[in-house]
Amino acid sequence: CLVVMAIDPNCFSALLSPPESETVEYLFTTCSFFRTASECLKEYRVESFRFTPPFNYSYQCSSSFITSYAPAFVYMSIASVFVHPVLQYTMVYLYGRASDKTLLHRGLAWALPSILKPPSVNVPSVNSVYKRSFLGAKNVLVSLFTQLGILLTFGAIFPPVALAMAVSIASIVYLTRFKVQRFVQAAVDAQLLGYLDVINAECAGVGTREQMQLAVKIIVCYCCAFYTLFLFDMLGDAKGFVAAMWVLFVVPLAPFVAYFTCSVNSFADVLSTSMETSSVDVGVELTEN
């Protein structure tokens, strides 16, 4: 977004890189000499002057974000829904057909995620998931939240992006479940039940309450920052630059103020509960004495 703001003509490119001075010529008439007291001989003259165009904000910078990023997000969704699954399962097909110890088999074994390979007899230990991801659960969660953030920002302004992101999120969820079910079934059929513990151990640390709360906070802050420029452009175009200046400060800071207020209230509740507990304990001691 900062790059678009810096290079797009509708944003601040003219402010960061001022245009060169321009020379303008104009034609006017003048009286060269008077024939009589009320009659003069007119002639045309050409004059010129040089000036530097001033910076004028167009209030169209926010729309430049959509035109710049919307195609990229649609292409990303197409790759996530169609290209990536087809590529992965083509590799799975070739991996199953390639002969062992060939260069193709080794390359596919290195490129394929562990969840797409047949379960090996050597079951990894549960502690190994902290060193090397087996399922890639964290990456899946990050991808889902990233696309959710795009849906709630760019998708809210440009509905085709919202549709593309919604289909992409559904595709990621479905394909991830399919991969896990496929691998678990293969492990159960091969009596390699240790893989179930490995998958459970990796998933246990993903999607916790703290992670979800942090992700929601980040998305809310990101949405407020994104909508700030759109609100500023709309209000500034209608009321003027000065009348819209408050949007640049109030909207981005609103979630931080809300989070700070909630934190203060929570701390006050904890402190109040602690003081009540202490007073009850003191009362019990006095009664016993």
Protein backbone atom coordinates (compact mmCIF):
# COMPACT_ATOMS: atom_id res chain seq x y z
CA CYS A 1 0.00 0.00 0.00
CA LEU A 2 2.83 2.41 0.77
CA VAL A 3 4.36 1.71 -2.65
CA VAL A 4 1.07 2.54 -4.38
CA MET A 5 0.77 5.74 -2.37
CA ALA A 6 4.29 6.73 -3.38
CA ILE A 7 4.14 6.03 -7.12
CA ASP A 8 0.50 6.42 -8.15
CA PRO A 9 -0.43 9.81 -9.70
CA ASN A 10 -3.73 9.78 -7.79
CA CYS A 11 -1.87 9.57 -4.47
CA PHE A 12 1.32 11.36 -3.44
CA SER A 13 3.76 10.79 -6.30
CA ALA A 14 3.63 14.49 -7.24
CA LEU A 15 4.42 15.41 -3.62
CA LEU A 16 7.37 13.02 -3.32
CA SER A 17 8.64 13.72 -6.84
CA PRO A 18 7.57 17.26 -7.78
CA PRO A 19 6.92 17.87 -11.50
CA GLU A 20 9.25 20.04 -13.53
CA SER A 21 8.45 23.66 -14.15
CA GLU A 22 6.38 24.40 -17.22
CA THR A 23 6.35 27.33 -19.61
CA VAL A 24 2.97 28.59 -20.78
CA GLU A 25 2.45 31.03 -23.64
CA TYR A 26 -0.63 33.21 -24.00
CA LEU A 27 -1.90 35.62 -26.62
CA PHE A 28 -3.30 39.06 -25.85
CA THR A 29 -4.07 42.31 -27.65
CA THR A 30 -2.58 45.68 -26.83
CA CYS A 31 -2.80 49.18 -28.20
CA SER A 32 0.39 50.12 -30.01
CA PHE A 33 -0.51 53.80 -30.56
CA PHE A 34 -3.59 55.99 -30.66
CA ARG A 35 -4.79 57.30 -34.00
CA THR A 36 -7.25 59.60 -32.34
CA ALA A 37 -8.22 60.25 -28.79
CA SER A 38 -10.71 57.35 -28.86
CA GLU A 39 -9.19 55.05 -31.47
CA CYS A 40 -6.02 52.99 -31.18
CA LEU A 41 -4.16 50.61 -33.40
CA LYS A 42 -4.35 47.12 -31.84
CA GLU A 43 -1.74 44.44 -32.24
CA TYR A 44 -1.36 40.89 -30.96
CA ARG A 45 1.46 39.94 -28.69
CA VAL A 46 2.65 36.62 -27.27
CA GLU A 47 3.96 36.43 -23.73
CA SER A 48 5.08 33.50 -21.63
CA PHE A 49 5.61 32.73 -18.00
CA ARG A 50 7.14 29.79 -16.12
CA PHE A 51 5.54 28.07 -13.12
CA THR A 52 5.67 24.83 -11.11
CA PRO A 53 2.31 23.01 -10.83
CA PRO A 54 1.22 22.82 -7.18
CA PHE A 55 0.27 19.56 -5.49
CA ASN A 56 -3.48 18.97 -5.42
CA TYR A 57 -4.80 15.82 -3.76
CA SER A 58 -7.38 14.14 -6.00
CA TYR A 59 -9.20 12.12 -3.28
CA GLN A 60 -8.87 9.06 -5.56
CA CYS A 61 -5.91 7.40 -3.86
CA SER A 62 -8.04 4.75 -2.17
CA SER A 63 -9.46 3.62 -5.50
CA SER A 64 -5.90 3.13 -6.75
CA PHE A 65 -5.45 0.41 -4.11
CA ILE A 66 -8.31 -1.56 -5.64
CA THR A 67 -7.13 -1.19 -9.22
CA SER A 68 -3.58 -2.15 -8.22
CA TYR A 69 -4.23 -5.13 -5.95
CA ALA A 70 -7.58 -6.61 -7.03
CA PRO A 71 -6.17 -8.49 -10.07
CA ALA A 72 -3.33 -9.90 -7.98
CA PHE A 73 -5.74 -11.20 -5.33
CA VAL A 74 -7.99 -12.79 -7.95
CA TYR A 75 -4.98 -14.52 -9.52
CA MET A 76 -3.86 -15.65 -6.08
CA SER A 77 -7.29 -17.17 -5.48
CA ILE A 78 -7.20 -18.96 -8.83
CA ALA A 79 -3.78 -20.37 -8.01
CA SER A 80 -4.97 -21.49 -4.56
CA VAL A 81 -8.16 -23.12 -5.84
CA PHE A 82 -6.97 -24.69 -9.09
CA VAL A 83 -3.23 -24.49 -9.80
CA HIS A 84 -1.85 -25.52 -6.41
CA PRO A 85 -4.07 -28.62 -5.87
CA VAL A 86 -3.59 -29.82 -9.46
CA LEU A 87 0.18 -29.38 -9.15
CA GLN A 88 0.35 -31.21 -5.83
CA TYR A 89 -1.70 -34.20 -6.90
CA THR A 90 0.17 -34.43 -10.19
CA MET A 91 3.32 -34.71 -8.11
CA VAL A 92 1.64 -37.37 -5.95
CA TYR A 93 0.73 -39.35 -9.05
CA LEU A 94 4.26 -39.13 -10.47
CA TYR A 95 5.79 -39.97 -7.09
CA GLY A 96 3.77 -43.18 -6.91
CA ARG A 97 4.72 -44.17 -10.46
CA ALA A 98 8.40 -43.20 -10.44
CA SER A 99 11.02 -45.85 -9.74
CA ASP A 100 12.95 -45.67 -6.50
CA LYS A 101 16.42 -44.08 -6.48
CA THR A 102 15.74 -42.17 -9.71
CA LEU A 103 16.35 -38.44 -9.92
CA LEU A 104 12.63 -37.80 -10.47
CA HIS A 105 11.67 -39.80 -7.39
CA ARG A 106 14.22 -38.02 -5.22
CA GLY A 107 13.12 -34.61 -6.47
CA LEU A 108 9.46 -35.38 -5.81
CA ALA A 109 10.27 -36.80 -2.36
CA TRP A 110 12.00 -33.53 -1.49
CA ALA A 111 9.23 -31.31 -2.89
CA LEU A 112 6.17 -33.16 -1.59
CA PRO A 113 4.83 -32.32 1.88
CA SER A 114 5.03 -35.19 4.36
CA ILE A 115 1.25 -35.35 4.60
CA LEU A 116 1.02 -36.30 0.89
CA LYS A 117 3.58 -39.10 1.04
CA PRO A 118 2.70 -42.67 2.01
CA PRO A 119 3.27 -43.25 5.75
CA SER A 120 6.73 -44.59 6.44
CA VAL A 121 7.46 -47.48 8.78
CA ASN A 122 9.77 -45.18 10.74
CA VAL A 123 7.17 -43.15 12.62
CA PRO A 124 8.60 -39.78 13.71
CA SER A 125 8.52 -38.93 17.39
CA VAL A 126 6.05 -36.49 18.83
CA ASN A 127 8.86 -34.12 19.78
CA SER A 128 9.97 -33.88 16.14
CA VAL A 129 6.94 -31.77 15.20
CA TYR A 130 8.47 -28.84 17.08
CA LYS A 131 11.53 -28.96 14.83
CA ARG A 132 9.90 -29.75 11.48
CA SER A 133 6.24 -29.34 10.63
CA PHE A 134 4.56 -32.53 9.47
CA LEU A 135 1.13 -31.20 8.60
CA GLY A 136 1.84 -27.51 8.13
CA ALA A 137 -1.05 -26.54 10.41
CA LYS A 138 0.43 -23.15 11.30
CA ASN A 139 0.87 -22.24 7.65
CA VAL A 140 -2.74 -23.25 6.94
CA LEU A 141 -4.02 -21.07 9.80
CA VAL A 142 -1.91 -18.09 8.69
CA SER A 143 -3.15 -18.49 5.11
CA LEU A 144 -6.78 -18.60 6.27
CA PHE A 145 -6.46 -15.46 8.40
CA THR A 146 -4.58 -13.64 5.63
CA GLN A 147 -7.30 -14.33 3.11
CA LEU A 148 -9.98 -13.45 5.68
CA GLY A 149 -8.28 -10.09 6.15
CA ILE A 150 -8.28 -9.52 2.39
CA LEU A 151 -11.96 -10.48 2.22
CA LEU A 152 -12.91 -8.00 4.97
CA THR A 153 -10.96 -5.13 3.39
CA PHE A 154 -10.52 -5.29 -0.37
CA GLY A 155 -13.46 -7.66 -0.70
CA ALA A 156 -15.79 -5.26 1.10
CA ILE A 157 -14.96 -2.54 -1.44
CA PHE A 158 -14.74 -4.78 -4.54
CA PRO A 159 -17.16 -7.77 -4.31
CA PRO A 160 -15.37 -9.97 -6.93
CA VAL A 161 -12.38 -10.11 -4.58
CA ALA A 162 -14.69 -11.15 -1.72
CA LEU A 163 -16.09 -13.98 -3.82
CA ALA A 164 -12.61 -15.10 -4.87
CA MET A 165 -11.33 -15.08 -1.27
CA ALA A 166 -14.40 -16.93 0.04
CA VAL A 167 -13.94 -19.69 -2.55
CA SER A 168 -10.22 -19.84 -1.76
CA ILE A 169 -10.86 -20.16 2.00
CA ALA A 170 -13.39 -22.93 1.43
CA SER A 171 -10.96 -24.68 -0.90
CA ILE A 172 -8.10 -24.54 1.62
CA VAL A 173 -10.30 -25.93 4.40
CA TYR A 174 -11.66 -28.74 2.23
CA LEU A 175 -8.29 -29.74 0.76
CA THR A 176 -6.58 -29.69 4.16
CA ARG A 177 -9.24 -31.96 5.65
CA PHE A 178 -9.00 -34.24 2.64
CA LYS A 179 -5.21 -34.51 2.96
CA VAL A 180 -5.43 -35.33 6.67
CA GLN A 181 -8.23 -37.88 6.21
CA ARG A 182 -6.35 -39.52 3.35
CA PHE A 183 -3.12 -39.80 5.33
CA VAL A 184 -4.82 -40.96 8.55
CA GLN A 185 -6.69 -43.66 6.66
CA ALA A 186 -3.43 -44.84 5.06
CA ALA A 187 -1.71 -44.88 8.47
CA VAL A 188 -4.55 -46.85 10.08
CA ASP A 189 -4.57 -49.35 7.22
CA ALA A 190 -0.83 -49.84 7.67
CA GLN A 191 -1.19 -50.18 11.48
CA LEU A 192 1.05 -47.14 12.02
CA LEU A 193 -1.02 -45.52 14.73
CA GLY A 194 1.91 -43.44 15.96
CA TYR A 195 1.21 -40.96 13.18
CA LEU A 196 -2.05 -40.07 14.88
CA ASP A 197 -0.15 -38.88 17.94
CA VAL A 198 2.18 -36.85 15.72
CA ILE A 199 -0.71 -35.10 13.96
CA ASN A 200 -2.52 -34.47 17.27
CA ALA A 201 0.64 -33.02 18.79
CA GLU A 202 1.12 -30.59 15.91
CA CYS A 203 -2.53 -29.50 15.89
CA ALA A 204 -2.62 -29.09 19.68
CA GLY A 205 -0.55 -25.91 19.54
CA VAL A 206 -2.45 -24.35 16.65
CA GLY A 207 -5.67 -22.39 16.92
CA THR A 208 -5.44 -21.80 20.64
CA ARG A 209 -7.56 -19.17 22.32
CA GLU A 210 -4.64 -16.78 22.67
CA GLN A 211 -3.68 -17.17 19.00
CA MET A 212 -7.24 -16.61 17.83
CA GLN A 213 -7.65 -13.51 20.00
CA LEU A 214 -4.37 -12.08 18.70
CA ALA A 215 -5.37 -12.81 15.10
CA VAL A 216 -8.72 -11.08 15.57
CA LYS A 217 -7.02 -8.03 17.06
CA ILE A 218 -4.58 -7.82 14.16
CA ILE A 219 -7.37 -8.13 11.60
CA VAL A 220 -9.45 -5.42 13.31
CA CYS A 221 -6.48 -3.04 13.39
CA TYR A 222 -5.69 -3.83 9.77
CA CYS A 223 -9.32 -3.20 8.72
CA CYS A 224 -9.45 0.14 10.53
CA ALA A 225 -6.19 1.26 8.93
CA PHE A 226 -7.44 0.14 5.50
CA TYR A 227 -10.80 1.93 5.76
CA THR A 228 -9.17 5.13 7.01
CA LEU A 229 -8.09 6.30 3.57
CA PHE A 230 -11.44 5.42 1.98
CA LEU A 231 -13.33 7.39 4.62
CA PHE A 232 -10.88 10.27 4.31
CA ASP A 233 -11.30 10.40 0.51
CA MET A 234 -15.09 10.35 0.70
CA LEU A 235 -15.35 12.94 3.47
CA GLY A 236 -12.58 15.11 2.05
CA ASP A 237 -14.13 15.16 -1.40
CA ALA A 238 -17.45 16.26 0.12
CA LYS A 239 -16.33 18.57 2.96
CA GLY A 240 -12.73 19.48 2.20
CA PHE A 241 -9.26 18.45 3.30
CA VAL A 242 -9.29 20.17 6.69
CA ALA A 243 -12.73 18.85 7.65
CA ALA A 244 -11.61 15.26 6.97
CA MET A 245 -8.28 15.38 8.81
CA TRP A 246 -9.74 13.88 12.01
CA VAL A 247 -10.41 10.59 10.16
CA LEU A 248 -6.67 10.01 9.74
CA PHE A 249 -6.25 9.92 13.53
CA VAL A 250 -9.52 8.71 15.03
CA VAL A 251 -10.23 5.64 12.89
CA PRO A 252 -6.75 3.98 13.08
CA LEU A 253 -6.49 4.63 16.82
CA ALA A 254 -10.02 3.47 17.66
CA PRO A 255 -9.16 -0.26 18.10
CA PHE A 256 -6.13 0.56 20.25
CA VAL A 257 -8.26 2.75 22.51
CA ALA A 258 -10.87 0.00 22.75
CA TYR A 259 -8.26 -2.66 23.58
CA PHE A 260 -6.66 -0.39 26.19
CA THR A 261 -10.05 0.28 27.79
CA CYS A 262 -10.86 -3.44 27.91
CA SER A 263 -7.45 -4.18 29.44
CA VAL A 264 -7.96 -1.53 32.12
CA ASN A 265 -11.42 -2.89 32.94
CA SER A 266 -10.09 -6.45 33.14
CA PHE A 267 -7.26 -5.36 35.40
CA ALA A 268 -9.72 -3.47 37.61
CA ASP A 269 -11.95 -6.55 37.86
CA VAL A 270 -9.00 -8.76 38.81
CA LEU A 271 -7.81 -6.23 41.36
CA SER A 272 -11.30 -5.92 42.85
CA THR A 273 -11.68 -9.69 43.10
CA SER A 274 -8.26 -9.98 44.72
CA MET A 275 -9.11 -7.31 47.31
CA GLU A 276 -12.44 -8.98 48.13
CA THR A 277 -10.70 -12.33 48.57
CA SER A 278 -8.09 -10.73 50.85
CA SER A 279 -10.77 -9.05 52.98
CA VAL A 280 -12.65 -12.34 53.35
CA ASP A 281 -9.45 -14.11 54.44
CA VAL A 282 -8.74 -11.38 57.00
CA GLY A 283 -12.28 -11.63 58.33
CA VAL A 284 -12.00 -15.38 58.70
CA GLU A 285 -8.71 -15.04 60.62
CA LEU A 286 -10.21 -12.45 62.96
CA THR A 287 -13.21 -14.68 63.59
CA GLU A 288 -11.01 -17.65 64.42
CA ASN A 289 -8.96 -15.56 66.82
